[in-house]
C-alpha atoms as a PDB file:
ATOM      1  CA  MET A   1     -32.749  -2.582  -0.713  1.00  0.00           C
ATOM      2  CA  ALA A   2     -30.107  -2.454   1.602  1.00  0.00           C
ATOM      3  CA  GLU A   3     -28.331   1.003   1.145  1.00  0.00           C
ATOM      4  CA  ASN A   4     -25.239  -0.819   0.835  1.00  0.00           C
ATOM      5  CA  LYS A   5     -25.159  -3.878  -2.431  1.00  0.00           C
ATOM      6  CA  ALA A   6     -22.364  -5.136   0.121  1.00  0.00           C
ATOM      7  CA  GLN A   7     -24.052  -5.785   3.077  1.00  0.00           C
ATOM      8  CA  ASP A   8     -26.619  -7.634   1.134  1.00  0.00           C
ATOM      9  CA  GLY A   9     -26.964 -11.667   3.251  1.00  0.00           C
ATOM     10  CA  TRP A  10     -25.259  -9.701   6.377  1.00  0.00           C
ATOM     11  CA  SER A  11     -27.319 -11.196   9.412  1.00  0.00           C
ATOM     12  CA  GLY A  12     -28.464  -8.505  11.303  1.00  0.00           C
ATOM     13  CA  GLU A  13     -25.624  -9.511  14.131  1.00  0.00           C
ATOM     14  CA  MET A  14     -22.373  -9.040  12.274  1.00  0.00           C
ATOM     15  CA  ASP A  15     -20.832  -6.084  11.203  1.00  0.00           C
ATOM     16  CA  ALA A  16     -19.800  -5.643   7.525  1.00  0.00           C
ATOM     17  CA  LYS A  17     -18.468  -2.555   7.662  1.00  0.00           C
ATOM     18  CA  ALA A  18     -15.953  -3.804  10.683  1.00  0.00           C
ATOM     19  CA  HIS A  19     -15.520  -7.037   9.008  1.00  0.00           C
ATOM     20  CA  LEU A  20     -15.095  -5.258   5.238  1.00  0.00           C
ATOM     21  CA  THR A  21     -12.671  -2.442   7.655  1.00  0.00           C
ATOM     22  CA  THR A  22     -10.653  -5.348   9.254  1.00  0.00           C
ATOM     23  CA  TYR A  23     -10.833  -7.945   5.189  1.00  0.00           C
ATOM     24  CA  GLU A  24      -9.557  -4.012   3.178  1.00  0.00           C
ATOM     25  CA  ALA A  25      -6.448  -4.097   6.519  1.00  0.00           C
ATOM     26  CA  PHE A  26      -5.560  -7.623   6.400  1.00  0.00           C
ATOM     27  CA  ILE A  27      -5.408  -7.345   1.697  1.00  0.00           C
ATOM     28  CA  ALA A  28      -2.944  -4.300   2.555  1.00  0.00           C
ATOM     29  CA  MET A  29      -0.587  -5.784   4.707  1.00  0.00           C
ATOM     30  CA  SER A  30      -0.353  -8.361   3.076  1.00  0.00           C
ATOM     31  CA  LYS A  31       0.666  -7.075  -0.572  1.00  0.00           C
ATOM     32  CA  TRP A  32       2.872  -4.940   1.153  1.00  0.00           C
ATOM     33  CA  GLY A  33       4.219  -7.569   4.010  1.00  0.00           C
ATOM     34  CA  SER A  34       5.393  -9.707  -0.166  1.00  0.00           C
ATOM     35  CA  VAL A  35       6.366  -6.563  -1.122  1.00  0.00           C
ATOM     36  CA  ALA A  36       8.902  -5.846   2.143  1.00  0.00           C
ATOM     37  CA  ILE A  37       9.991 -10.387   1.573  1.00  0.00           C
ATOM     38  CA  ALA A  38      10.425 -10.059  -2.219  1.00  0.00           C
ATOM     39  CA  VAL A  39      12.885  -6.609  -1.273  1.00  0.00           C
ATOM     40  CA  VAL A  40      15.041  -8.177   1.270  1.00  0.00           C
ATOM     41  CA  LEU A  41      15.365 -12.280  -0.375  1.00  0.00           C
ATOM     42  CA  ILE A  42      16.888  -9.604  -4.005  1.00  0.00           C
ATOM     43  CA  LEU A  43      19.064  -7.641  -1.387  1.00  0.00           C
ATOM     44  CA  MET A  44      20.530 -11.046  -0.378  1.00  0.00           C
ATOM     45  CA  ALA A  45      21.445 -12.336  -3.607  1.00  0.00           C
ATOM     46  CA  PHE A  46      22.758  -8.973  -4.366  1.00  0.00           C
ATOM     47  CA  PHE A  47      24.631  -8.708  -1.619  1.00  0.00           C
ATOM     48  CA  LEU A  48      25.860 -12.093  -0.027  1.00  0.00           C
ATOM     49  CA  LEU A  49      25.795 -14.246  -3.715  1.00  0.00           C
END
């Protein structure tokens, strides 16, 4: 068994740690980007309507 369950099934040429780090950064930026867009839309509705 592999030490890290997240790396089970990964081939030897794939850098699982770098991939998972990139994926977590993508999810975090998507979440905060969505929050920022929602805030901008709320502020636009408040000030422009």
